Amino acid sequence: MSATRPSRRGQPESFPDRSRPREISQLRARRRALNRRRRLFRLDLAVGVLVAVVLLIATPGLAIAALLAGVMLIACFVSVIFERRRRRRHSGD
């Protein structure tokens, strides 16, 4: 050891840690999956609202159309709830 050269003990290794890129790729994969689920949720909700609006406009009986639109929206919400429960069960394994 020399007084003019610093010691290398406290410095990090010259080779980077190999697990770092794997962690980043896993993070990106999780983000992609989350964005995909969000897009599917928005699409499901948009289809339900669109069908509800079309039924309200296209059918002559407002009460029947409102009932059918409500049933459609409930079906969409039930679909979302089942998907969330299924995802929770699979993520717990």
N, C-alpha and C. Protein backbone atom coordinates (compact mmCIF):
# COMPACT_ATOMS: atom_id res chain seq x y z
N MET A 1 0.83 -1.17 0.00
CA MET A 1 0.00 0.00 0.00
C MET A 1 0.88 1.24 0.00
N SER A 2 0.52 2.25 -0.76
CA SER A 2 1.30 3.46 -0.86
C SER A 2 0.48 4.62 -0.33
N ALA A 3 1.16 5.63 0.12
CA ALA A 3 0.46 6.81 0.64
C ALA A 3 -0.13 7.62 -0.51
N THR A 4 0.38 7.46 -1.71
CA THR A 4 -0.14 8.24 -2.84
C THR A 4 -1.29 7.56 -3.55
N ARG A 5 -1.41 6.24 -3.40
CA ARG A 5 -2.51 5.51 -4.03
C ARG A 5 -3.58 5.15 -3.00
N PRO A 6 -4.83 5.39 -3.34
CA PRO A 6 -5.89 5.02 -2.39
C PRO A 6 -6.08 3.50 -2.35
N SER A 7 -6.58 3.02 -1.25
CA SER A 7 -6.84 1.61 -1.08
C SER A 7 -8.07 1.21 -1.88
N ARG A 8 -8.11 -0.01 -2.42
CA ARG A 8 -9.25 -0.48 -3.21
C ARG A 8 -10.26 -1.25 -2.36
N ARG A 9 -10.02 -1.38 -1.10
CA ARG A 9 -10.93 -2.17 -0.25
C ARG A 9 -12.33 -1.56 -0.19
N GLY A 10 -12.45 -0.26 -0.08
CA GLY A 10 -13.75 0.37 0.08
C GLY A 10 -14.46 0.61 -1.24
N GLN A 11 -13.77 0.43 -2.35
CA GLN A 11 -14.38 0.70 -3.65
C GLN A 11 -15.14 -0.52 -4.15
N PRO A 12 -16.19 -0.29 -4.93
CA PRO A 12 -16.95 -1.43 -5.48
C PRO A 12 -16.12 -2.18 -6.51
N GLU A 13 -16.55 -3.39 -6.78
CA GLU A 13 -15.85 -4.22 -7.76
C GLU A 13 -15.94 -3.60 -9.15
N SER A 14 -15.01 -3.95 -10.00
CA SER A 14 -15.03 -3.40 -11.36
C SER A 14 -16.09 -4.08 -12.22
N PHE A 15 -16.59 -5.26 -11.80
CA PHE A 15 -17.62 -5.96 -12.54
C PHE A 15 -18.98 -5.66 -11.91
N PRO A 16 -19.94 -5.24 -12.69
CA PRO A 16 -21.27 -4.92 -12.12
C PRO A 16 -21.99 -6.18 -11.67
N ASP A 17 -22.94 -5.98 -10.79
CA ASP A 17 -23.75 -7.09 -10.28
C ASP A 17 -24.64 -7.62 -11.40
N ARG A 18 -24.67 -8.91 -11.60
CA ARG A 18 -25.43 -9.52 -12.70
C ARG A 18 -26.94 -9.56 -12.43
N SER A 19 -27.37 -9.44 -11.17
CA SER A 19 -28.80 -9.52 -10.88
C SER A 19 -29.52 -8.21 -11.18
N ARG A 20 -28.80 -7.13 -11.31
CA ARG A 20 -29.43 -5.82 -11.55
C ARG A 20 -30.24 -5.79 -12.85
N PRO A 21 -29.70 -6.21 -14.00
CA PRO A 21 -30.52 -6.19 -15.23
C PRO A 21 -31.75 -7.09 -15.12
N ARG A 22 -31.62 -8.21 -14.42
CA ARG A 22 -32.76 -9.11 -14.26
C ARG A 22 -33.86 -8.42 -13.46
N GLU A 23 -33.49 -7.67 -12.42
CA GLU A 23 -34.49 -6.97 -11.61
C GLU A 23 -35.19 -5.91 -12.44
N ILE A 24 -34.45 -5.23 -13.28
CA ILE A 24 -35.04 -4.19 -14.11
C ILE A 24 -35.99 -4.82 -15.13
N SER A 25 -35.60 -5.93 -15.72
CA SER A 25 -36.49 -6.58 -16.70
C SER A 25 -37.75 -7.11 -16.02
N GLN A 26 -37.64 -7.58 -14.79
CA GLN A 26 -38.82 -8.04 -14.07
C GLN A 26 -39.74 -6.86 -13.75
N LEU A 27 -39.14 -5.74 -13.39
CA LEU A 27 -39.93 -4.54 -13.11
C LEU A 27 -40.67 -4.07 -14.36
N ARG A 28 -39.98 -4.08 -15.49
CA ARG A 28 -40.62 -3.68 -16.75
C ARG A 28 -41.73 -4.64 -17.13
N ALA A 29 -41.53 -5.94 -16.90
CA ALA A 29 -42.57 -6.93 -17.21
C ALA A 29 -43.80 -6.70 -16.33
N ARG A 30 -43.59 -6.41 -15.05
CA ARG A 30 -44.72 -6.13 -14.16
C ARG A 30 -45.46 -4.88 -14.59
N ARG A 31 -44.72 -3.86 -15.02
CA ARG A 31 -45.37 -2.63 -15.48
C ARG A 31 -46.18 -2.87 -16.75
N ARG A 32 -45.62 -3.67 -17.67
CA ARG A 32 -46.36 -3.98 -18.89
C ARG A 32 -47.65 -4.73 -18.57
N ALA A 33 -47.57 -5.68 -17.64
CA ALA A 33 -48.76 -6.45 -17.26
C ALA A 33 -49.80 -5.54 -16.60
N LEU A 34 -49.36 -4.63 -15.76
CA LEU A 34 -50.28 -3.70 -15.11
C LEU A 34 -50.94 -2.79 -16.12
N ASN A 35 -50.16 -2.28 -17.07
CA ASN A 35 -50.74 -1.43 -18.11
C ASN A 35 -51.74 -2.20 -18.97
N ARG A 36 -51.45 -3.46 -19.25
CA ARG A 36 -52.36 -4.28 -20.04
C ARG A 36 -53.68 -4.48 -19.28
N ARG A 37 -53.59 -4.77 -17.98
CA ARG A 37 -54.81 -4.94 -17.18
C ARG A 37 -55.63 -3.66 -17.13
N ARG A 38 -54.93 -2.53 -16.99
CA ARG A 38 -55.64 -1.25 -16.96
C ARG A 38 -56.35 -0.98 -18.27
N ARG A 39 -55.67 -1.27 -19.39
CA ARG A 39 -56.31 -1.07 -20.69
C ARG A 39 -57.52 -1.97 -20.85
N LEU A 40 -57.40 -3.23 -20.42
CA LEU A 40 -58.53 -4.16 -20.53
C LEU A 40 -59.69 -3.71 -19.65
N PHE A 41 -59.39 -3.21 -18.47
CA PHE A 41 -60.44 -2.72 -17.58
C PHE A 41 -61.16 -1.53 -18.22
N ARG A 42 -60.39 -0.59 -18.76
CA ARG A 42 -60.99 0.57 -19.42
C ARG A 42 -61.82 0.15 -20.63
N LEU A 43 -61.31 -0.80 -21.38
CA LEU A 43 -62.05 -1.28 -22.55
C LEU A 43 -63.35 -1.96 -22.13
N ASP A 44 -63.29 -2.78 -21.08
CA ASP A 44 -64.49 -3.45 -20.58
C ASP A 44 -65.53 -2.43 -20.12
N LEU A 45 -65.08 -1.43 -19.40
CA LEU A 45 -65.99 -0.40 -18.92
C LEU A 45 -66.55 0.41 -20.08
N ALA A 46 -65.73 0.73 -21.06
CA ALA A 46 -66.19 1.50 -22.22
C ALA A 46 -67.22 0.73 -23.03
N VAL A 47 -67.00 -0.57 -23.20
CA VAL A 47 -67.97 -1.39 -23.94
C VAL A 47 -69.30 -1.44 -23.19
N GLY A 48 -69.24 -1.59 -21.89
CA GLY A 48 -70.48 -1.61 -21.10
C GLY A 48 -71.25 -0.31 -21.20
N VAL A 49 -70.54 0.81 -21.09
CA VAL A 49 -71.20 2.11 -21.19
C VAL A 49 -71.74 2.33 -22.60
N LEU A 50 -70.97 1.95 -23.61
CA LEU A 50 -71.41 2.11 -25.00
C LEU A 50 -72.68 1.30 -25.27
N VAL A 51 -72.70 0.06 -24.83
CA VAL A 51 -73.89 -0.78 -25.02
C VAL A 51 -75.08 -0.19 -24.27
N ALA A 52 -74.83 0.32 -23.07
CA ALA A 52 -75.92 0.92 -22.30
C ALA A 52 -76.49 2.14 -23.03
N VAL A 53 -75.62 2.98 -23.57
CA VAL A 53 -76.08 4.17 -24.28
C VAL A 53 -76.83 3.78 -25.55
N VAL A 54 -76.30 2.82 -26.29
CA VAL A 54 -76.97 2.39 -27.53
C VAL A 54 -78.35 1.82 -27.22
N LEU A 55 -78.45 1.05 -26.17
CA LEU A 55 -79.76 0.50 -25.81
C LEU A 55 -80.73 1.60 -25.42
N LEU A 56 -80.27 2.59 -24.70
CA LEU A 56 -81.16 3.68 -24.31
C LEU A 56 -81.64 4.49 -25.52
N ILE A 57 -80.78 4.66 -26.50
CA ILE A 57 -81.14 5.46 -27.68
C ILE A 57 -81.97 4.64 -28.67
N ALA A 58 -81.59 3.39 -28.89
CA ALA A 58 -82.18 2.61 -29.98
C ALA A 58 -83.53 1.99 -29.64
N THR A 59 -83.81 1.72 -28.41
CA THR A 59 -85.06 1.03 -28.08
C THR A 59 -86.17 2.02 -27.77
N PRO A 60 -87.40 1.66 -28.15
CA PRO A 60 -88.51 2.58 -27.93
C PRO A 60 -88.96 2.65 -26.46
N GLY A 61 -88.88 1.57 -25.76
CA GLY A 61 -89.35 1.57 -24.37
C GLY A 61 -88.21 1.96 -23.42
N LEU A 62 -88.31 3.13 -22.83
CA LEU A 62 -87.24 3.63 -21.99
C LEU A 62 -87.03 2.77 -20.74
N ALA A 63 -88.10 2.28 -20.16
CA ALA A 63 -87.97 1.48 -18.95
C ALA A 63 -87.27 0.15 -19.24
N ILE A 64 -87.64 -0.48 -20.34
CA ILE A 64 -87.02 -1.75 -20.72
C ILE A 64 -85.55 -1.52 -21.07
N ALA A 65 -85.28 -0.45 -21.77
CA ALA A 65 -83.90 -0.14 -22.14
C ALA A 65 -83.04 0.13 -20.90
N ALA A 66 -83.62 0.84 -19.95
CA ALA A 66 -82.88 1.13 -18.73
C ALA A 66 -82.57 -0.16 -17.97
N LEU A 67 -83.54 -1.08 -17.93
CA LEU A 67 -83.30 -2.36 -17.27
C LEU A 67 -82.20 -3.15 -17.98
N LEU A 68 -82.27 -3.22 -19.30
CA LEU A 68 -81.25 -3.95 -20.06
C LEU A 68 -79.87 -3.30 -19.91
N ALA A 69 -79.83 -1.98 -19.92
CA ALA A 69 -78.56 -1.28 -19.74
C ALA A 69 -77.99 -1.55 -18.35
N GLY A 70 -78.86 -1.55 -17.36
CA GLY A 70 -78.41 -1.85 -15.99
C GLY A 70 -77.86 -3.25 -15.87
N VAL A 71 -78.55 -4.21 -16.51
CA VAL A 71 -78.08 -5.60 -16.50
C VAL A 71 -76.72 -5.70 -17.17
N MET A 72 -76.53 -4.98 -18.27
CA MET A 72 -75.25 -5.00 -18.97
C MET A 72 -74.13 -4.43 -18.10
N LEU A 73 -74.41 -3.31 -17.45
CA LEU A 73 -73.40 -2.70 -16.58
C LEU A 73 -73.07 -3.60 -15.40
N ILE A 74 -74.09 -4.22 -14.82
CA ILE A 74 -73.84 -5.14 -13.71
C ILE A 74 -72.99 -6.31 -14.18
N ALA A 75 -73.27 -6.82 -15.37
CA ALA A 75 -72.45 -7.92 -15.91
C ALA A 75 -71.00 -7.49 -16.08
N CYS A 76 -70.77 -6.27 -16.53
CA CYS A 76 -69.39 -5.78 -16.68
C CYS A 76 -68.71 -5.67 -15.32
N PHE A 77 -69.40 -5.13 -14.33
CA PHE A 77 -68.80 -5.00 -13.00
C PHE A 77 -68.53 -6.37 -12.37
N VAL A 78 -69.43 -7.32 -12.56
CA VAL A 78 -69.21 -8.67 -12.04
C VAL A 78 -67.99 -9.30 -12.71
N SER A 79 -67.84 -9.06 -14.00
CA SER A 79 -66.67 -9.57 -14.72
C SER A 79 -65.38 -9.00 -14.13
N VAL A 80 -65.37 -7.72 -13.83
CA VAL A 80 -64.19 -7.08 -13.25
C VAL A 80 -63.90 -7.65 -11.87
N ILE A 81 -64.93 -7.84 -11.07
CA ILE A 81 -64.74 -8.37 -9.72
C ILE A 81 -64.18 -9.79 -9.77
N PHE A 82 -64.72 -10.64 -10.64
CA PHE A 82 -64.21 -12.00 -10.76
C PHE A 82 -62.76 -12.02 -11.22
N GLU A 83 -62.42 -11.13 -12.14
CA GLU A 83 -61.04 -11.05 -12.63
C GLU A 83 -60.08 -10.65 -11.50
N ARG A 84 -60.48 -9.70 -10.69
CA ARG A 84 -59.64 -9.28 -9.57
C ARG A 84 -59.45 -10.41 -8.56
N ARG A 85 -60.52 -11.12 -8.26
CA ARG A 85 -60.41 -12.24 -7.31
C ARG A 85 -59.52 -13.34 -7.86
N ARG A 86 -59.67 -13.64 -9.14
CA ARG A 86 -58.86 -14.67 -9.76
C ARG A 86 -57.38 -14.27 -9.75
N ARG A 87 -57.12 -13.01 -10.03
CA ARG A 87 -55.74 -12.51 -10.03
C ARG A 87 -55.14 -12.56 -8.64
N ARG A 88 -55.92 -12.22 -7.61
CA ARG A 88 -55.41 -12.28 -6.24
C ARG A 88 -55.05 -13.72 -5.84
N ARG A 89 -55.91 -14.66 -6.23
CA ARG A 89 -55.63 -16.06 -5.91
C ARG A 89 -54.34 -16.54 -6.57
N HIS A 90 -54.13 -16.15 -7.83
CA HIS A 90 -52.94 -16.59 -8.55
C HIS A 90 -51.69 -15.86 -8.09
N SER A 91 -51.81 -14.62 -7.64
CA SER A 91 -50.64 -13.90 -7.17
C SER A 91 -50.20 -14.38 -5.79
N GLY A 92 -51.10 -14.99 -5.03
CA GLY A 92 -50.77 -15.51 -3.70
C GLY A 92 -49.99 -16.80 -3.74
N ASP A 93 -50.02 -17.52 -4.87
CA ASP A 93 -49.32 -18.80 -4.98
C ASP A 93 -47.84 -18.64 -5.12
